[in-house]
Amino acid sequence: MERILIVDNDSSMRYSLNRMLEGQGLGVSLAKNGIEALERFAQDHPDLVVMDIKMPGRSGLEVLREIKEKDPKALVILMTAFGTTETAIEAMKFGAFDYILKPFDIPQMRGLVERALKISRMMKKMVSLPDREETRGSEETLVGSSPAMQQVYKMIGQVAATEVTVLLRGESGTGKEMVARAIYHHSRRGDKPFLPVNCAAIPETLLESELFGHEKGAFTGALTRRVGKFEQCHGGTLFLDEIGDMTPATQAKILRVLQDRQFERLGGSERITSDVRVIVATNKDLEKGIREGTFRQDLYYRLKVVTLHLPPLRERKEDIPELVRYFLQRFRADINREVLDISPKSLENLMRYPWPGNVRELENAVKRALVIAKSHSLLPEDFSLEGVEREMGPAEHLDLEERLQKMMEPVFKELLELSRRSPGTDLMSELERILIKRALQETKGNQVQAAVLLGISRNTLRSKIERYRIRKDVSIVEEE
């Protein structure tokens, strides 16, 4: 269970935050002043500290400095009234994760806590390489012994000890974030902060502010000064995912930071120096972006000094058995299933599948199979793979035929009635829509079983559900 330390001299604020966070399944410790906060921090080692700035005796700013001295990777969210906003900003320069103004909305605080805990997990969960003698329970492991992955491991070892910028390239789902964390954990900055930024997930107008911060009045809605990620991450590692989605203007600022280690906040003129190691990743064709004028050539050459290519899963299929057994070991305890292995036929099907979603798709496929598995081994019917047919026994064929016959009679009746009411209706589309709806009703909303009943993959079923705007419930299926 993740733990949060709440520090505030206001008992009503402690009570409200305690109730909110415990309701999210988090462990909560409480402190009413700075001295208690430091004692609790040393005793509980919380994953996150949520602390007021203005407290009697030792202020939140003083406590923050002591916490960061003890643990530079500690994450602290500061709470402040409007009158102390500048103090909060100064505190962020000393390593606070973020600040929130009082009074705040509960959803706003929840979102901030969720983001902080996600980053806390990234920093604390080590990524080990296969050549290590033993993998600790709190670690994730890069899996695969293919020649392509061996080259990846070698490159991680070579670049981790340096300070150079690293460009990670590869399709979505190949594990670029995991490799970035492996580089971070094995670097000299492994005891300093690690902050990820998904450049594709942040609106263009806000990305520059997120990275470099802004001054009050820099744009509409900029009511206070804000410190950006480069400033927050001083001394640590910043991971810029999907850098190929950046606008040329933001790319220019990134180039300047990489060259000079200096930048200016949006709307400001003060030059700020930041010592940050940058790792970037993209699944875009940067060379094509240069030709089309969407990606700066000078930034491209600055990034590609050290480039690490992550191979798609279809090019290292020999790693699939090892990956499957790793995911089985990792997930079966959480899902509470006694599945011990995978059948040879299932493994053969997985080896034939092209895996467009790469390792992430395989991970989700194994997790889904574990959920629906009924034996001690994962069978072909536990998977739903586009373009890979599975074999069924005679009893299963008979059951399937009976269910189809039972389903088809009311389908044709409904279709005949529809043709009478609306002669111009596209009957083929309506037949498909009605079949999908009936299949979901027949299987009580189970999409895996419905896909088997219809003879299509689960992915195809999902796309058709969206196309026909069919909404699924556990027991009721109706049109939106």
Protein backbone atom coordinates (compact mmCIF):
# COMPACT_ATOMS: atom_id res chain seq x y z
CA MET A 1 0.00 0.00 0.00
CA GLU A 2 1.32 3.42 -0.94
CA ARG A 3 1.61 5.85 1.95
CA ILE A 4 1.07 9.60 2.10
CA LEU A 5 2.11 11.97 4.88
CA ILE A 6 -0.25 14.93 5.43
CA VAL A 7 1.24 17.91 7.26
CA ASP A 8 -1.03 20.81 8.28
CA ASN A 9 -1.70 22.63 11.53
CA ASP A 10 -5.39 22.91 10.54
CA SER A 11 -7.17 19.85 11.97
CA SER A 12 -10.12 20.19 9.57
CA MET A 13 -7.75 20.15 6.58
CA ARG A 14 -5.96 17.05 7.94
CA TYR A 15 -9.33 15.35 8.46
CA SER A 16 -10.59 16.17 4.94
CA LEU A 17 -7.43 15.04 3.18
CA ASN A 18 -7.20 11.91 5.34
CA ARG A 19 -10.76 10.95 4.44
CA MET A 20 -10.23 11.62 0.74
CA LEU A 21 -6.97 9.68 0.44
CA GLU A 22 -8.00 6.71 2.59
CA GLY A 23 -11.05 6.45 0.33
CA GLN A 24 -8.63 5.90 -2.56
CA GLY A 25 -7.05 2.92 -0.77
CA LEU A 26 -3.94 4.81 0.35
CA GLY A 27 -2.24 4.63 3.73
CA VAL A 28 -2.18 8.00 5.47
CA SER A 29 0.00 9.43 8.25
CA LEU A 30 -0.78 12.77 9.90
CA ALA A 31 1.41 15.50 11.37
CA LYS A 32 0.35 18.89 12.72
CA ASN A 33 3.72 20.64 12.57
CA GLY A 34 7.19 20.46 11.08
CA ILE A 35 8.81 18.53 13.92
CA GLU A 36 6.16 15.81 13.79
CA ALA A 37 6.47 15.75 10.00
CA LEU A 38 10.19 14.97 10.11
CA GLU A 39 9.65 12.26 12.72
CA ARG A 40 6.88 10.67 10.64
CA PHE A 41 8.95 10.91 7.47
CA ALA A 42 11.87 9.09 9.08
CA GLN A 43 9.58 6.45 10.57
CA ASP A 44 7.11 5.76 7.70
CA HIS A 45 9.18 6.55 4.58
CA PRO A 46 6.07 7.82 2.75
CA ASP A 47 5.74 7.76 -1.03
CA LEU A 48 4.43 11.33 -1.02
CA VAL A 49 4.23 14.28 1.37
CA VAL A 50 1.35 16.78 1.14
CA MET A 51 2.31 19.77 3.30
CA ASP A 52 1.16 23.28 4.11
CA ILE A 53 3.78 26.02 3.86
CA LYS A 54 2.64 28.31 6.64
CA MET A 55 2.84 26.49 9.99
CA PRO A 56 3.82 27.64 13.47
CA GLY A 57 7.40 26.93 14.47
CA ARG A 58 9.20 25.27 11.62
CA SER A 59 7.72 26.31 8.25
CA GLY A 60 6.91 23.99 5.39
CA LEU A 61 9.81 25.45 3.43
CA GLU A 62 12.27 24.51 6.18
CA VAL A 63 10.81 21.02 6.44
CA LEU A 64 11.01 20.61 2.67
CA ARG A 65 14.74 21.43 2.71
CA GLU A 66 15.40 18.87 5.45
CA ILE A 67 13.34 16.19 3.70
CA LYS A 68 15.21 16.72 0.42
CA GLU A 69 18.54 16.54 2.25
CA LYS A 70 17.55 13.16 3.68
CA ASP A 71 16.03 11.87 0.43
CA PRO A 72 16.54 13.84 -2.81
CA LYS A 73 13.94 11.63 -4.56
CA ALA A 74 11.21 12.44 -2.02
CA LEU A 75 8.09 13.96 -3.59
CA VAL A 76 6.43 16.87 -1.80
CA ILE A 77 3.26 18.71 -2.77
CA LEU A 78 2.93 22.10 -1.11
CA MET A 79 -0.34 23.74 -0.13
CA THR A 80 -0.50 27.49 0.10
CA ALA A 81 -2.94 30.38 0.42
CA PHE A 82 -2.97 33.05 -2.30
CA GLY A 83 -0.86 35.37 -0.18
CA THR A 84 2.10 32.96 -0.11
CA THR A 85 2.22 31.92 -3.77
CA GLU A 86 5.70 33.35 -4.34
CA THR A 87 6.98 31.41 -1.35
CA ALA A 88 5.57 28.22 -2.87
CA ILE A 89 7.36 28.92 -6.14
CA GLU A 90 10.63 29.46 -4.31
CA ALA A 91 10.04 26.18 -2.51
CA MET A 92 9.70 24.36 -5.84
CA LYS A 93 13.19 25.50 -6.70
CA PHE A 94 14.32 23.52 -3.67
CA GLY A 95 12.74 20.36 -5.05
CA ALA A 96 8.98 20.38 -4.38
CA PHE A 97 7.02 18.31 -6.92
CA ASP A 98 4.24 20.87 -7.26
CA TYR A 99 2.06 23.27 -5.31
CA ILE A 100 -1.68 23.78 -5.03
CA LEU A 101 -3.53 26.89 -3.95
CA LYS A 102 -6.03 26.89 -1.10
CA PRO A 103 -8.96 26.52 -1.34
CA PHE A 104 -8.70 23.73 -3.91
CA ASP A 105 -11.13 21.32 -5.56
CA ILE A 106 -11.02 17.68 -4.48
CA PRO A 107 -10.68 16.39 -8.10
CA GLN A 108 -7.77 18.80 -8.60
CA MET A 109 -5.96 17.44 -5.54
CA ARG A 110 -6.73 13.84 -6.49
CA GLY A 111 -5.26 14.35 -9.96
CA LEU A 112 -2.11 15.91 -8.52
CA VAL A 113 -1.68 13.08 -6.02
CA GLU A 114 -2.17 10.44 -8.74
CA ARG A 115 0.50 12.03 -10.95
CA ALA A 116 2.94 12.29 -8.06
CA LEU A 117 2.42 8.67 -7.01
CA LYS A 118 2.92 7.47 -10.58
CA ILE A 119 6.27 9.24 -10.72
CA SER A 120 7.15 7.93 -7.26
CA ARG A 121 6.62 4.39 -8.53
CA MET A 122 8.82 5.09 -11.55
CA MET A 123 11.65 6.34 -9.39
CA LYS A 124 11.45 3.58 -6.80
CA LYS A 125 10.87 0.59 -9.07
CA MET A 126 14.23 -0.42 -10.45
CA VAL A 127 14.59 -1.80 -13.96
CA SER A 128 17.10 -4.65 -13.97
CA LEU A 129 18.99 -6.10 -16.90
CA PRO A 130 19.00 -9.84 -17.65
CA ASP A 131 22.66 -10.34 -16.74
CA ARG A 132 21.96 -9.59 -13.08
CA GLU A 133 22.21 -12.66 -10.84
CA GLU A 134 18.95 -12.06 -9.03
CA THR A 135 15.92 -9.83 -9.58
CA ARG A 136 14.41 -8.30 -6.50
CA GLY A 137 10.66 -8.35 -6.03
CA SER A 138 10.40 -4.58 -6.33
CA GLU A 139 12.11 -4.55 -9.72
CA GLU A 140 10.91 -4.81 -13.28
CA THR A 141 13.05 -6.72 -15.74
CA LEU A 142 13.85 -6.11 -19.37
CA VAL A 143 13.13 -9.52 -20.87
CA GLY A 144 14.60 -11.21 -23.94
CA SER A 145 17.80 -12.92 -24.97
CA SER A 146 17.58 -12.34 -28.73
CA PRO A 147 20.57 -10.69 -30.48
CA ALA A 148 18.53 -7.51 -30.96
CA MET A 149 17.83 -7.21 -27.22
CA GLN A 150 21.40 -8.07 -26.30
CA GLN A 151 22.44 -5.03 -28.29
CA VAL A 152 19.93 -2.90 -26.36
CA TYR A 153 21.36 -4.08 -23.03
CA LYS A 154 24.89 -3.26 -24.15
CA MET A 155 23.88 0.24 -25.19
CA ILE A 156 22.09 0.87 -21.87
CA GLY A 157 25.26 -0.09 -20.01
CA GLN A 158 27.40 2.13 -22.22
CA VAL A 159 25.26 5.29 -22.04
CA ALA A 160 24.03 5.05 -18.43
CA ALA A 161 27.35 6.10 -16.96
CA THR A 162 27.63 9.14 -19.25
CA GLU A 163 25.83 12.48 -19.26
CA VAL A 164 24.94 12.51 -22.96
CA THR A 165 21.41 12.99 -24.27
CA VAL A 166 19.91 9.69 -25.46
CA LEU A 167 17.38 9.30 -28.27
CA LEU A 168 15.19 6.20 -27.96
CA ARG A 169 13.47 5.15 -31.17
CA GLY A 170 10.93 2.44 -31.78
CA GLU A 171 7.28 1.68 -32.35
CA SER A 172 4.67 2.17 -29.65
CA GLY A 173 4.73 -0.60 -27.08
CA THR A 174 8.38 -1.58 -27.52
CA GLY A 175 9.34 -0.41 -24.00
CA LYS A 176 10.97 3.00 -24.54
CA GLU A 177 9.88 4.31 -21.13
CA MET A 178 11.24 1.20 -19.42
CA VAL A 179 14.60 1.61 -21.15
CA ALA A 180 14.65 5.29 -20.14
CA ARG A 181 14.13 4.29 -16.51
CA ALA A 182 16.84 1.63 -16.80
CA ILE A 183 19.30 4.26 -18.02
CA TYR A 184 18.25 6.56 -15.18
CA HIS A 185 18.53 3.91 -12.44
CA HIS A 186 21.99 2.81 -13.60
CA SER A 187 23.30 6.38 -13.98
CA ARG A 188 25.11 8.64 -11.53
CA ARG A 189 21.84 10.56 -11.17
CA GLY A 190 19.93 7.50 -9.94
CA ASP A 191 19.50 9.05 -6.49
CA LYS A 192 18.06 12.27 -7.93
CA PRO A 193 14.58 13.01 -9.37
CA PHE A 194 13.21 11.43 -12.54
CA LEU A 195 10.36 13.32 -14.24
CA PRO A 196 8.57 12.03 -17.37
CA VAL A 197 6.68 14.33 -19.74
CA ASN A 198 4.48 12.95 -22.53
CA CYS A 199 4.74 15.65 -25.18
CA ALA A 200 1.84 14.19 -27.17
CA ALA A 201 -0.55 14.18 -24.20
CA ILE A 202 -0.18 17.88 -23.36
CA PRO A 203 -1.90 20.51 -25.55
CA GLU A 204 0.50 22.49 -27.72
CA THR A 205 -0.33 25.75 -25.96
CA LEU A 206 0.54 24.31 -22.54
CA LEU A 207 3.59 22.17 -23.33
CA GLU A 208 6.06 25.07 -23.34
CA SER A 209 4.73 26.25 -19.99
CA GLU A 210 4.91 22.69 -18.61
CA LEU A 211 8.57 22.40 -19.59
CA PHE A 212 9.91 25.89 -18.96
CA GLY A 213 7.33 27.52 -16.71
CA HIS A 214 5.73 30.91 -17.18
CA GLU A 215 5.51 34.33 -15.59
CA LYS A 216 2.29 35.86 -14.29
CA GLY A 217 0.34 37.33 -17.20
CA ALA A 218 2.34 35.48 -19.87
CA PHE A 219 -0.94 34.31 -21.43
CA THR A 220 -4.64 34.25 -20.66
CA GLY A 221 -5.15 32.27 -17.47
CA ALA A 222 -1.57 32.69 -16.24
CA LEU A 223 -2.60 34.16 -12.89
CA THR A 224 0.65 33.29 -11.08
CA ARG A 225 4.22 32.44 -11.94
CA ARG A 226 4.83 28.73 -12.54
CA VAL A 227 8.02 26.70 -12.38
CA GLY A 228 8.48 24.24 -15.23
CA LYS A 229 9.82 20.69 -15.30
CA PHE A 230 13.37 21.72 -16.29
CA GLU A 231 13.58 23.87 -13.19
CA GLN A 232 11.93 21.28 -10.93
CA CYS A 233 14.21 18.50 -12.14
CA HIS A 234 17.50 20.31 -11.45
CA GLY A 235 20.16 17.67 -10.80
CA GLY A 236 17.97 14.83 -12.05
CA THR A 237 16.79 13.21 -15.28
CA LEU A 238 13.99 14.46 -17.54
CA PHE A 239 12.34 11.98 -19.91
CA LEU A 240 10.62 13.62 -22.89
CA ASP A 241 8.39 11.01 -24.50
CA GLU A 242 7.01 11.51 -28.04
CA ILE A 243 9.35 14.42 -28.76
CA GLY A 244 8.42 14.13 -32.43
CA ASP A 245 5.06 15.74 -31.58
CA MET A 246 6.64 19.02 -30.40
CA THR A 247 6.12 22.21 -32.38
CA PRO A 248 9.24 23.79 -33.99
CA ALA A 249 9.03 26.71 -31.53
CA THR A 250 9.27 24.41 -28.51
CA GLN A 251 11.97 22.38 -30.27
CA ALA A 252 14.06 25.55 -30.52
CA LYS A 253 13.91 26.02 -26.75
CA ILE A 254 14.81 22.38 -26.15
CA LEU A 255 17.84 22.80 -28.42
CA ARG A 256 18.95 25.83 -26.42
CA VAL A 257 18.67 23.98 -23.11
CA LEU A 258 20.65 21.06 -24.46
CA GLN A 259 23.40 23.34 -25.75
CA ASP A 260 23.59 26.02 -23.05
CA ARG A 261 21.69 24.48 -20.10
CA GLN A 262 19.78 27.75 -19.95
CA PHE A 263 16.22 28.84 -20.74
CA GLU A 264 13.68 31.55 -19.98
CA ARG A 265 10.20 31.12 -18.58
CA LEU A 266 7.36 31.89 -20.97
CA GLY A 267 6.77 35.65 -20.82
CA GLY A 268 9.98 36.27 -18.86
CA SER A 269 13.48 37.57 -19.55
CA GLU A 270 15.42 36.02 -16.66
CA ARG A 271 17.89 33.35 -17.84
CA ILE A 272 17.61 30.24 -15.69
CA THR A 273 20.30 27.56 -15.51
CA SER A 274 19.30 23.95 -15.00
CA ASP A 275 21.53 20.88 -14.70
CA VAL A 276 19.29 18.17 -16.18
CA ARG A 277 20.13 14.96 -18.02
CA VAL A 278 17.65 14.57 -20.91
CA ILE A 279 16.41 11.30 -22.41
CA VAL A 280 13.99 11.58 -25.32
CA ALA A 281 11.86 9.06 -27.18
CA THR A 282 9.73 8.96 -30.30
CA ASN A 283 7.91 6.56 -32.60
CA LYS A 284 7.80 9.16 -35.37
CA ASP A 285 9.91 9.28 -38.52
CA LEU A 286 12.07 12.29 -37.62
CA GLU A 287 13.83 12.27 -41.00
CA LYS A 288 10.45 12.63 -42.71
CA GLY A 289 9.60 15.43 -40.26
CA ILE A 290 12.76 17.28 -41.31
CA ARG A 291 11.82 16.99 -44.99
CA GLU A 292 8.30 18.23 -44.26
CA GLY A 293 9.51 21.07 -42.04
CA THR A 294 7.87 19.80 -38.83
CA PHE A 295 11.10 18.84 -37.04
CA ARG A 296 14.23 20.95 -36.70
CA GLN A 297 17.31 19.50 -38.35
CA ASP A 298 19.70 21.08 -35.83
CA LEU A 299 17.81 19.47 -32.93
CA TYR A 300 17.77 16.15 -34.77
CA TYR A 301 21.56 16.10 -35.04
CA ARG A 302 21.89 17.23 -31.42
CA LEU A 303 19.73 14.29 -30.29
CA LYS A 304 21.07 11.53 -32.51
CA VAL A 305 24.60 11.55 -31.07
CA VAL A 306 23.53 8.46 -29.12
CA THR A 307 20.53 6.67 -30.61
CA LEU A 308 19.10 3.46 -29.25
CA HIS A 309 16.69 1.52 -31.49
CA LEU A 310 14.17 -0.77 -29.78
CA PRO A 311 13.17 -3.64 -32.07
CA PRO A 312 9.47 -4.45 -32.64
CA LEU A 313 8.32 -7.75 -31.22
CA ARG A 314 7.76 -9.25 -34.67
CA GLU A 315 11.53 -8.97 -35.25
CA ARG A 316 12.43 -10.82 -32.06
CA LYS A 317 9.76 -13.50 -31.82
CA GLU A 318 12.23 -15.88 -30.20
CA ASP A 319 11.71 -13.77 -27.03
CA ILE A 320 7.95 -14.44 -26.89
CA PRO A 321 8.09 -17.64 -24.75
CA GLU A 322 10.34 -15.91 -22.22
CA LEU A 323 8.10 -12.81 -22.17
CA VAL A 324 4.93 -14.87 -21.71
CA ARG A 325 6.35 -16.76 -18.74
CA TYR A 326 7.62 -13.52 -17.23
CA PHE A 327 4.14 -11.97 -17.49
CA LEU A 328 2.57 -15.15 -16.08
CA GLN A 329 4.84 -14.97 -13.05
CA ARG A 330 4.25 -11.25 -12.65
CA PHE A 331 0.44 -11.16 -12.93
CA ARG A 332 -0.95 -14.44 -11.63
CA ALA A 333 -0.60 -13.45 -7.97
CA ASP A 334 -2.38 -10.11 -8.54
CA ILE A 335 -5.18 -11.78 -10.51
CA ASN A 336 -5.26 -14.64 -7.98
CA ARG A 337 -5.16 -17.47 -10.53
CA GLU A 338 -3.31 -20.78 -10.28
CA VAL A 339 -2.25 -20.72 -13.92
CA LEU A 340 1.20 -22.26 -14.14
CA ASP A 341 2.02 -22.46 -17.85
CA ILE A 342 0.86 -21.99 -21.41
CA SER A 343 -0.13 -24.79 -23.80
CA PRO A 344 2.10 -25.53 -26.82
CA LYS A 345 -0.74 -24.67 -29.22
CA SER A 346 -1.30 -21.32 -27.51
CA LEU A 347 2.40 -20.53 -27.73
CA GLU A 348 2.39 -21.53 -31.39
CA ASN A 349 -0.47 -19.10 -32.04
CA LEU A 350 1.36 -16.31 -30.21
CA MET A 351 4.45 -16.95 -32.32
CA ARG A 352 2.38 -16.67 -35.53
CA TYR A 353 0.70 -13.39 -34.55
CA PRO A 354 2.38 -10.18 -35.89
CA TRP A 355 1.93 -8.15 -32.65
CA PRO A 356 1.28 -4.64 -34.04
CA GLY A 357 1.09 -3.37 -30.44
CA ASN A 358 4.42 -5.02 -29.59
CA VAL A 359 5.33 -6.06 -26.03
CA ARG A 360 2.56 -3.94 -24.50
CA GLU A 361 -0.04 -5.83 -26.57
CA LEU A 362 1.46 -9.18 -25.55
CA GLU A 363 1.41 -8.11 -21.90
CA ASN A 364 -2.27 -7.19 -22.11
CA ALA A 365 -3.08 -10.40 -23.99
CA VAL A 366 -1.50 -12.54 -21.25
CA LYS A 367 -3.21 -10.55 -18.51
CA ARG A 368 -6.59 -10.92 -20.24
CA ALA A 369 -6.03 -14.65 -20.78
CA LEU A 370 -5.22 -15.09 -17.09
CA VAL A 371 -8.53 -13.48 -16.17
CA ILE A 372 -10.67 -15.83 -18.28
CA ALA A 373 -8.54 -19.01 -18.02
CA LYS A 374 -10.34 -22.03 -16.56
CA SER A 375 -7.44 -24.46 -16.30
CA HIS A 376 -3.88 -24.51 -14.97
CA SER A 377 -2.56 -23.74 -18.46
CA LEU A 378 -3.41 -20.93 -20.88
CA LEU A 379 -5.32 -22.48 -23.78
CA PRO A 380 -5.94 -21.13 -27.32
CA GLU A 381 -9.52 -20.13 -26.43
CA ASP A 382 -8.16 -17.86 -23.69
CA PHE A 383 -6.65 -15.60 -26.34
CA SER A 384 -8.30 -13.52 -29.06
CA LEU A 385 -5.80 -12.76 -31.80
CA GLU A 386 -6.62 -11.08 -35.12
CA GLY A 387 -5.93 -13.44 -38.05
CA VAL A 388 -4.91 -16.45 -35.92
CA GLU A 389 -7.53 -19.19 -35.91
CA ARG A 390 -7.68 -21.59 -33.02
CA GLU A 391 -8.64 -25.26 -32.98
CA MET A 392 -11.80 -26.42 -31.17
CA GLY A 393 -12.76 -29.87 -30.01
CA PRO A 394 -15.93 -31.67 -31.21
CA ALA A 395 -17.88 -30.81 -28.05
CA GLU A 396 -16.99 -27.13 -28.39
CA HIS A 397 -18.06 -27.13 -32.06
CA LEU A 398 -21.41 -28.70 -31.13
CA ASP A 399 -22.03 -26.19 -28.36
CA LEU A 400 -21.14 -23.33 -30.68
CA GLU A 401 -23.56 -24.57 -33.38
CA GLU A 402 -26.39 -24.92 -30.88
CA ARG A 403 -25.85 -21.40 -29.57
CA LEU A 404 -25.72 -19.98 -33.10
CA GLN A 405 -28.98 -21.73 -34.06
CA LYS A 406 -30.64 -20.47 -30.92
CA MET A 407 -29.47 -16.94 -31.67
CA MET A 408 -30.25 -16.79 -35.40
CA GLU A 409 -34.02 -17.37 -35.27
CA PRO A 410 -34.86 -14.16 -33.36
CA VAL A 411 -32.23 -12.30 -35.44
CA PHE A 412 -34.00 -13.12 -38.72
CA LYS A 413 -37.38 -12.30 -37.22
CA GLU A 414 -36.10 -8.88 -36.15
CA LEU A 415 -34.52 -8.30 -39.55
CA LEU A 416 -37.72 -9.27 -41.40
CA GLU A 417 -39.78 -6.91 -39.27
CA LEU A 418 -37.30 -4.12 -39.90
CA SER A 419 -37.46 -4.64 -43.69
CA ARG A 420 -41.24 -4.32 -43.55
CA ARG A 421 -41.15 -1.11 -41.52
CA SER A 422 -38.27 0.52 -43.44
CA PRO A 423 -37.95 -0.86 -47.00
CA GLY A 424 -34.89 1.26 -47.82
CA THR A 425 -32.78 -0.02 -44.91
CA ASP A 426 -29.31 -1.46 -45.56
CA LEU A 427 -30.17 -5.01 -44.47
CA MET A 428 -26.58 -6.32 -44.47
CA SER A 429 -25.44 -3.63 -42.02
CA GLU A 430 -28.53 -4.16 -39.90
CA LEU A 431 -27.94 -7.92 -39.88
CA GLU A 432 -24.39 -7.35 -38.59
CA ARG A 433 -25.59 -4.90 -35.95
CA ILE A 434 -28.34 -7.23 -34.72
CA LEU A 435 -26.00 -10.23 -34.67
CA ILE A 436 -23.45 -8.40 -32.54
CA LYS A 437 -26.14 -7.18 -30.17
CA ARG A 438 -27.62 -10.67 -29.82
CA ALA A 439 -24.20 -12.27 -29.34
CA LEU A 440 -23.45 -9.88 -26.49
CA GLN A 441 -26.84 -10.65 -24.92
CA GLU A 442 -26.25 -14.39 -25.34
CA THR A 443 -22.88 -14.14 -23.58
CA LYS A 444 -24.12 -11.68 -20.92
CA GLY A 445 -21.86 -8.94 -22.25
CA ASN A 446 -18.64 -11.02 -22.40
CA GLN A 447 -16.85 -9.67 -25.48
CA VAL A 448 -14.35 -12.55 -25.64
CA GLN A 449 -17.12 -15.16 -25.75
CA ALA A 450 -19.19 -13.04 -28.14
CA ALA A 451 -16.26 -12.79 -30.54
CA VAL A 452 -15.81 -16.58 -30.49
CA LEU A 453 -19.55 -17.04 -31.09
CA LEU A 454 -19.43 -14.74 -34.11
CA GLY A 455 -16.19 -16.20 -35.45
CA ILE A 456 -14.29 -12.91 -35.31
CA SER A 457 -11.47 -11.51 -33.16
CA ARG A 458 -12.12 -9.41 -30.10
CA ASN A 459 -10.45 -6.40 -31.74
CA THR A 460 -12.81 -6.69 -34.74
CA LEU A 461 -15.77 -6.99 -32.38
CA ARG A 462 -14.71 -3.87 -30.50
CA SER A 463 -14.42 -1.83 -33.70
CA LYS A 464 -17.89 -2.95 -34.82
CA ILE A 465 -19.36 -2.14 -31.40
CA GLU A 466 -18.01 1.39 -31.81
CA ARG A 467 -19.18 1.58 -35.43
CA TYR A 468 -22.76 0.62 -34.59
CA ARG A 469 -22.72 2.50 -31.27
CA ILE A 470 -23.70 -0.55 -29.26
CA ARG A 471 -23.32 -0.13 -25.52
CA LYS A 472 -22.55 -3.18 -23.39
CA ASP A 473 -23.68 -3.87 -19.87
CA VAL A 474 -23.18 -7.06 -17.86
CA SER A 475 -26.74 -8.22 -18.49
CA ILE A 476 -28.30 -5.63 -20.80
CA VAL A 477 -27.21 -4.54 -24.25
CA GLU A 478 -28.80 -1.50 -25.83
CA GLU A 479 -28.08 1.12 -28.44
CA GLU A 480 -26.70 4.49 -27.32
